Amino acid sequence: MDEGYMRVKQVADRIGMSEDWVRRFFGEIEGVRKVKSPAKRFKRPYTILLIPAALVERELRKMSA
């Protein structure tokens, strides 16, 4: 797969929205990879979103139309 992935911070900087907004918006879209860390004792689990660059461009086109 030659497609590049972007992290939440990269997408937020690119589109000028907050990281929380990007997590809520792109977290539910099919095609976004979610990498989850297991919960450890006294620590919460974390989820990393890997968002395909093509998906970001597609959603930006939808929003601007």
PDB file of N, CA and C in Angstrom:
ATOM      1  N   MET A   1       0.839  -1.172   0.000  1.00  0.00           N
ATOM      2  CA  MET A   1       0.000   0.000   0.000  1.00  0.00           C
ATOM      3  C   MET A   1       0.893   1.247   0.000  1.00  0.00           C
ATOM      4  N   ASP A   2       0.788   2.063  -1.020  1.00  0.00           N
ATOM      5  CA  ASP A   2       1.627   3.244  -1.163  1.00  0.00           C
ATOM      6  C   ASP A   2       1.040   4.472  -0.486  1.00  0.00           C
ATOM      7  N   GLU A   3      -0.128   4.322   0.063  1.00  0.00           N
ATOM      8  CA  GLU A   3      -0.834   5.444   0.648  1.00  0.00           C
ATOM      9  C   GLU A   3      -0.206   5.837   1.985  1.00  0.00           C
ATOM     10  N   GLY A   4      -0.008   7.154   2.185  1.00  0.00           N
ATOM     11  CA  GLY A   4       0.559   7.630   3.436  1.00  0.00           C
ATOM     12  C   GLY A   4      -0.511   7.861   4.478  1.00  0.00           C
ATOM     13  N   TYR A   5      -0.132   7.718   5.720  1.00  0.00           N
ATOM     14  CA  TYR A   5      -1.052   7.939   6.826  1.00  0.00           C
ATOM     15  C   TYR A   5      -0.639   9.199   7.575  1.00  0.00           C
ATOM     16  N   MET A   6      -1.623   9.869   8.130  1.00  0.00           N
ATOM     17  CA  MET A   6      -1.385  11.077   8.907  1.00  0.00           C
ATOM     18  C   MET A   6      -1.886  10.844  10.325  1.00  0.00           C
ATOM     19  N   ARG A   7      -1.226  11.474  11.284  1.00  0.00           N
ATOM     20  CA  ARG A   7      -1.664  11.422  12.679  1.00  0.00           C
ATOM     21  C   ARG A   7      -2.651  12.550  12.929  1.00  0.00           C
ATOM     22  N   VAL A   8      -3.294  12.517  14.078  1.00  0.00           N
ATOM     23  CA  VAL A   8      -4.324  13.497  14.422  1.00  0.00           C
ATOM     24  C   VAL A   8      -3.750  14.915  14.404  1.00  0.00           C
ATOM     25  N   LYS A   9      -2.585  15.130  14.982  1.00  0.00           N
ATOM     26  CA  LYS A   9      -1.992  16.467  15.040  1.00  0.00           C
ATOM     27  C   LYS A   9      -1.704  16.999  13.641  1.00  0.00           C
ATOM     28  N   GLN A  10      -1.211  16.153  12.761  1.00  0.00           N
ATOM     29  CA  GLN A  10      -0.924  16.577  11.390  1.00  0.00           C
ATOM     30  C   GLN A  10      -2.196  17.010  10.673  1.00  0.00           C
ATOM     31  N   VAL A  11      -3.264  16.247  10.837  1.00  0.00           N
ATOM     32  CA  VAL A  11      -4.536  16.587  10.188  1.00  0.00           C
ATOM     33  C   VAL A  11      -5.089  17.881  10.781  1.00  0.00           C
ATOM     34  N   ALA A  12      -5.016  18.028  12.100  1.00  0.00           N
ATOM     35  CA  ALA A  12      -5.525  19.236  12.752  1.00  0.00           C
ATOM     36  C   ALA A  12      -4.775  20.477  12.254  1.00  0.00           C
ATOM     37  N   ASP A  13      -3.470  20.384  12.131  1.00  0.00           N
ATOM     38  CA  ASP A  13      -2.690  21.508  11.616  1.00  0.00           C
ATOM     39  C   ASP A  13      -3.036  21.803  10.163  1.00  0.00           C
ATOM     40  N   ARG A  14      -3.268  20.768   9.396  1.00  0.00           N
ATOM     41  CA  ARG A  14      -3.565  20.939   7.964  1.00  0.00           C
ATOM     42  C   ARG A  14      -4.912  21.613   7.723  1.00  0.00           C
ATOM     43  N   ILE A  15      -5.926  21.242   8.512  1.00  0.00           N
ATOM     44  CA  ILE A  15      -7.259  21.783   8.244  1.00  0.00           C
ATOM     45  C   ILE A  15      -7.646  22.922   9.194  1.00  0.00           C
ATOM     46  N   GLY A  16      -6.812  23.203  10.197  1.00  0.00           N
ATOM     47  CA  GLY A  16      -7.082  24.323  11.090  1.00  0.00           C
ATOM     48  C   GLY A  16      -8.162  24.076  12.118  1.00  0.00           C
ATOM     49  N   MET A  17      -8.328  22.839  12.522  1.00  0.00           N
ATOM     50  CA  MET A  17      -9.311  22.494  13.550  1.00  0.00           C
ATOM     51  C   MET A  17      -8.554  21.921  14.752  1.00  0.00           C
ATOM     52  N   SER A  18      -9.276  21.753  15.864  1.00  0.00           N
ATOM     53  CA  SER A  18      -8.633  21.208  17.063  1.00  0.00           C
ATOM     54  C   SER A  18      -8.422  19.698  16.923  1.00  0.00           C
ATOM     55  N   GLU A  19      -7.507  19.181  17.722  1.00  0.00           N
ATOM     56  CA  GLU A  19      -7.240  17.744  17.710  1.00  0.00           C
ATOM     57  C   GLU A  19      -8.456  16.961  18.196  1.00  0.00           C
ATOM     58  N   ASP A  20      -9.181  17.506  19.162  1.00  0.00           N
ATOM     59  CA  ASP A  20     -10.399  16.837  19.650  1.00  0.00           C
ATOM     60  C   ASP A  20     -11.438  16.718  18.544  1.00  0.00           C
ATOM     61  N   TRP A  21     -11.605  17.776  17.759  1.00  0.00           N
ATOM     62  CA  TRP A  21     -12.564  17.754  16.651  1.00  0.00           C
ATOM     63  C   TRP A  21     -12.154  16.695  15.628  1.00  0.00           C
ATOM     64  N   VAL A  22     -10.882  16.619  15.322  1.00  0.00           N
ATOM     65  CA  VAL A  22     -10.388  15.643  14.344  1.00  0.00           C
ATOM     66  C   VAL A  22     -10.636  14.226  14.849  1.00  0.00           C
ATOM     67  N   ARG A  23     -10.377  13.971  16.132  1.00  0.00           N
ATOM     68  CA  ARG A  23     -10.625  12.637  16.701  1.00  0.00           C
ATOM     69  C   ARG A  23     -12.094  12.251  16.603  1.00  0.00           C
ATOM     70  N   ARG A  24     -12.991  13.194  16.939  1.00  0.00           N
ATOM     71  CA  ARG A  24     -14.424  12.900  16.873  1.00  0.00           C
ATOM     72  C   ARG A  24     -14.881  12.689  15.433  1.00  0.00           C
ATOM     73  N   PHE A  25     -14.445  13.535  14.523  1.00  0.00           N
ATOM     74  CA  PHE A  25     -14.913  13.482  13.144  1.00  0.00           C
ATOM     75  C   PHE A  25     -14.355  12.266  12.398  1.00  0.00           C
ATOM     76  N   PHE A  26     -13.043  12.073  12.433  1.00  0.00           N
ATOM     77  CA  PHE A  26     -12.423  11.005  11.662  1.00  0.00           C
ATOM     78  C   PHE A  26     -12.440   9.664  12.376  1.00  0.00           C
ATOM     79  N   GLY A  27     -12.708   9.633  13.672  1.00  0.00           N
ATOM     80  CA  GLY A  27     -12.718   8.384  14.430  1.00  0.00           C
ATOM     81  C   GLY A  27     -13.810   7.427  14.013  1.00  0.00           C
ATOM     82  N   GLU A  28     -14.879   7.939  13.426  1.00  0.00           N
ATOM     83  CA  GLU A  28     -16.020   7.101  13.039  1.00  0.00           C
ATOM     84  C   GLU A  28     -16.034   6.748  11.549  1.00  0.00           C
ATOM     85  N   ILE A  29     -15.097   7.276  10.783  1.00  0.00           N
ATOM     86  CA  ILE A  29     -15.089   7.057   9.335  1.00  0.00           C
ATOM     87  C   ILE A  29     -14.371   5.747   9.018  1.00  0.00           C
ATOM     88  N   GLU A  30     -14.966   4.984   8.106  1.00  0.00           N
ATOM     89  CA  GLU A  30     -14.363   3.723   7.703  1.00  0.00           C
ATOM     90  C   GLU A  30     -13.084   3.990   6.914  1.00  0.00           C
ATOM     91  N   GLY A  31     -12.050   3.250   7.202  1.00  0.00           N
ATOM     92  CA  GLY A  31     -10.769   3.412   6.527  1.00  0.00           C
ATOM     93  C   GLY A  31      -9.700   3.986   7.441  1.00  0.00           C
ATOM     94  N   VAL A  32     -10.114   4.519   8.585  1.00  0.00           N
ATOM     95  CA  VAL A  32      -9.163   5.045   9.565  1.00  0.00           C
ATOM     96  C   VAL A  32      -8.691   3.882  10.418  1.00  0.00           C
ATOM     97  N   ARG A  33      -7.376   3.730  10.526  1.00  0.00           N
ATOM     98  CA  ARG A  33      -6.821   2.642  11.334  1.00  0.00           C
ATOM     99  C   ARG A  33      -6.703   3.092  12.781  1.00  0.00           C
ATOM    100  N   LYS A  34      -7.123   2.223  13.688  1.00  0.00           N
ATOM    101  CA  LYS A  34      -7.042   2.506  15.113  1.00  0.00           C
ATOM    102  C   LYS A  34      -6.068   1.524  15.746  1.00  0.00           C
ATOM    103  N   VAL A  35      -5.039   2.055  16.359  1.00  0.00           N
ATOM    104  CA  VAL A  35      -4.052   1.240  17.055  1.00  0.00           C
ATOM    105  C   VAL A  35      -4.274   1.467  18.539  1.00  0.00           C
ATOM    106  N   LYS A  36      -4.681   0.412  19.242  1.00  0.00           N
ATOM    107  CA  LYS A  36      -5.011   0.530  20.659  1.00  0.00           C
ATOM    108  C   LYS A  36      -3.919  -0.103  21.510  1.00  0.00           C
ATOM    109  N   SER A  37      -3.551   0.616  22.572  1.00  0.00           N
ATOM    110  CA  SER A  37      -2.619   0.047  23.535  1.00  0.00           C
ATOM    111  C   SER A  37      -3.427  -0.607  24.641  1.00  0.00           C
ATOM    112  N   PRO A  38      -2.947  -1.693  25.182  1.00  0.00           N
ATOM    113  CA  PRO A  38      -3.706  -2.345  26.252  1.00  0.00           C
ATOM    114  C   PRO A  38      -3.646  -1.515  27.535  1.00  0.00           C
ATOM    115  N   ALA A  39      -4.693  -1.629  28.343  1.00  0.00           N
ATOM    116  CA  ALA A  39      -4.715  -0.948  29.637  1.00  0.00           C
ATOM    117  C   ALA A  39      -3.750  -1.666  30.571  1.00  0.00           C
ATOM    118  N   LYS A  40      -2.953  -0.884  31.251  1.00  0.00           N
ATOM    119  CA  LYS A  40      -2.019  -1.441  32.222  1.00  0.00           C
ATOM    120  C   LYS A  40      -2.460  -1.013  33.611  1.00  0.00           C
ATOM    121  N   ARG A  41      -1.892  -1.589  34.576  1.00  0.00           N
ATOM    122  CA  ARG A  41      -2.282  -1.278  35.951  1.00  0.00           C
ATOM    123  C   ARG A  41      -2.105   0.213  36.233  1.00  0.00           C
ATOM    124  N   PHE A  42      -3.164   0.848  36.653  1.00  0.00           N
ATOM    125  CA  PHE A  42      -3.208   2.270  36.995  1.00  0.00           C
ATOM    126  C   PHE A  42      -2.983   3.195  35.798  1.00  0.00           C
ATOM    127  N   LYS A  43      -3.052   2.674  34.597  1.00  0.00           N
ATOM    128  CA  LYS A  43      -2.890   3.512  33.412  1.00  0.00           C
ATOM    129  C   LYS A  43      -4.031   3.243  32.448  1.00  0.00           C
ATOM    130  N   ARG A  44      -4.506   4.282  31.806  1.00  0.00           N
ATOM    131  CA  ARG A  44      -5.606   4.123  30.862  1.00  0.00           C
ATOM    132  C   ARG A  44      -5.089   3.679  29.495  1.00  0.00           C
ATOM    133  N   PRO A  45      -5.932   3.029  28.713  1.00  0.00           N
ATOM    134  CA  PRO A  45      -5.515   2.642  27.364  1.00  0.00           C
ATOM    135  C   PRO A  45      -5.549   3.846  26.422  1.00  0.00           C
ATOM    136  N   TYR A  46      -4.705   3.832  25.438  1.00  0.00           N
ATOM    137  CA  TYR A  46      -4.658   4.901  24.449  1.00  0.00           C
ATOM    138  C   TYR A  46      -4.989   4.351  23.070  1.00  0.00           C
ATOM    139  N   THR A  47      -5.560   5.204  22.225  1.00  0.00           N
ATOM    140  CA  THR A  47      -5.860   4.841  20.851  1.00  0.00           C
ATOM    141  C   THR A  47      -5.198   5.849  19.931  1.00  0.00           C
ATOM    142  N   ILE A  48      -4.419   5.349  18.978  1.00  0.00           N
ATOM    143  CA  ILE A  48      -3.773   6.193  17.980  1.00  0.00           C
ATOM    144  C   ILE A  48      -4.564   6.046  16.691  1.00  0.00           C
ATOM    145  N   LEU A  49      -4.957   7.163  16.102  1.00  0.00           N
ATOM    146  CA  LEU A  49      -5.662   7.145  14.820  1.00  0.00           C
ATOM    147  C   LEU A  49      -4.664   7.392  13.701  1.00  0.00           C
ATOM    148  N   LEU A  50      -4.667   6.519  12.718  1.00  0.00           N
ATOM    149  CA  LEU A  50      -3.859   6.689  11.510  1.00  0.00           C
ATOM    150  C   LEU A  50      -4.835   6.944  10.375  1.00  0.00           C
ATOM    151  N   ILE A  51      -4.823   8.174   9.877  1.00  0.00           N
ATOM    152  CA  ILE A  51      -5.809   8.616   8.899  1.00  0.00           C
ATOM    153  C   ILE A  51      -5.154   8.676   7.524  1.00  0.00           C
ATOM    154  N   PRO A  52      -5.670   7.946   6.537  1.00  0.00           N
ATOM    155  CA  PRO A  52      -5.097   7.996   5.186  1.00  0.00           C
ATOM    156  C   PRO A  52      -5.188   9.407   4.602  1.00  0.00           C
ATOM    157  N   ALA A  53      -4.120   9.838   3.949  1.00  0.00           N
ATOM    158  CA  ALA A  53      -4.083  11.182   3.363  1.00  0.00           C
ATOM    159  C   ALA A  53      -5.192  11.361   2.331  1.00  0.00           C
ATOM    160  N   ALA A  54      -5.486  10.329   1.552  1.00  0.00           N
ATOM    161  CA  ALA A  54      -6.543  10.419   0.543  1.00  0.00           C
ATOM    162  C   ALA A  54      -7.909  10.625   1.197  1.00  0.00           C
ATOM    163  N   LEU A  55      -8.120  10.020   2.344  1.00  0.00           N
ATOM    164  CA  LEU A  55      -9.378  10.178   3.059  1.00  0.00           C
ATOM    165  C   LEU A  55      -9.526  11.610   3.574  1.00  0.00           C
ATOM    166  N   VAL A  56      -8.443  12.205   4.037  1.00  0.00           N
ATOM    167  CA  VAL A  56      -8.478  13.597   4.497  1.00  0.00           C
ATOM    168  C   VAL A  56      -8.855  14.507   3.341  1.00  0.00           C
ATOM    169  N   GLU A  57      -8.232  14.299   2.185  1.00  0.00           N
ATOM    170  CA  GLU A  57      -8.533  15.128   1.009  1.00  0.00           C
ATOM    171  C   GLU A  57      -9.996  14.966   0.581  1.00  0.00           C
ATOM    172  N   ARG A  58     -10.487  13.742   0.603  1.00  0.00           N
ATOM    173  CA  ARG A  58     -11.872  13.484   0.217  1.00  0.00           C
ATOM    174  C   ARG A  58     -12.847  14.199   1.144  1.00  0.00           C
ATOM    175  N   GLU A  59     -12.612  14.119   2.450  1.00  0.00           N
ATOM    176  CA  GLU A  59     -13.503  14.753   3.406  1.00  0.00           C
ATOM    177  C   GLU A  59     -13.406  16.271   3.324  1.00  0.00           C
ATOM    178  N   LEU A  60     -12.241  16.809   3.025  1.00  0.00           N
ATOM    179  CA  LEU A  60     -12.096  18.258   2.856  1.00  0.00           C
ATOM    180  C   LEU A  60     -12.896  18.727   1.641  1.00  0.00           C
ATOM    181  N   ARG A  61     -12.886  17.951   0.573  1.00  0.00           N
ATOM    182  CA  ARG A  61     -13.670  18.311  -0.618  1.00  0.00           C
ATOM    183  C   ARG A  61     -15.162  18.302  -0.292  1.00  0.00           C
ATOM    184  N   LYS A  62     -15.616  17.324   0.502  1.00  0.00           N
ATOM    185  CA  LYS A  62     -17.032  17.249   0.890  1.00  0.00           C
ATOM    186  C   LYS A  62     -17.418  18.472   1.731  1.00  0.00           C
ATOM    187  N   MET A  63     -16.547  18.879   2.647  1.00  0.00           N
ATOM    188  CA  MET A  63     -16.849  20.004   3.534  1.00  0.00           C
ATOM    189  C   MET A  63     -16.871  21.337   2.783  1.00  0.00           C
ATOM    190  N   SER A  64     -16.045  21.462   1.773  1.00  0.00           N
ATOM    191  CA  SER A  64     -15.952  22.744   1.072  1.00  0.00           C
ATOM    192  C   SER A  64     -17.050  22.898   0.015  1.00  0.00           C
ATOM    193  N   ALA A  65     -17.711  21.811  -0.337  1.00  0.00           N
ATOM    194  CA  ALA A  65     -18.754  21.887  -1.379  1.00  0.00           C
ATOM    195  C   ALA A  65     -20.042  22.463  -0.872  1.00  0.00           C
TER     196      ALA A  65
END
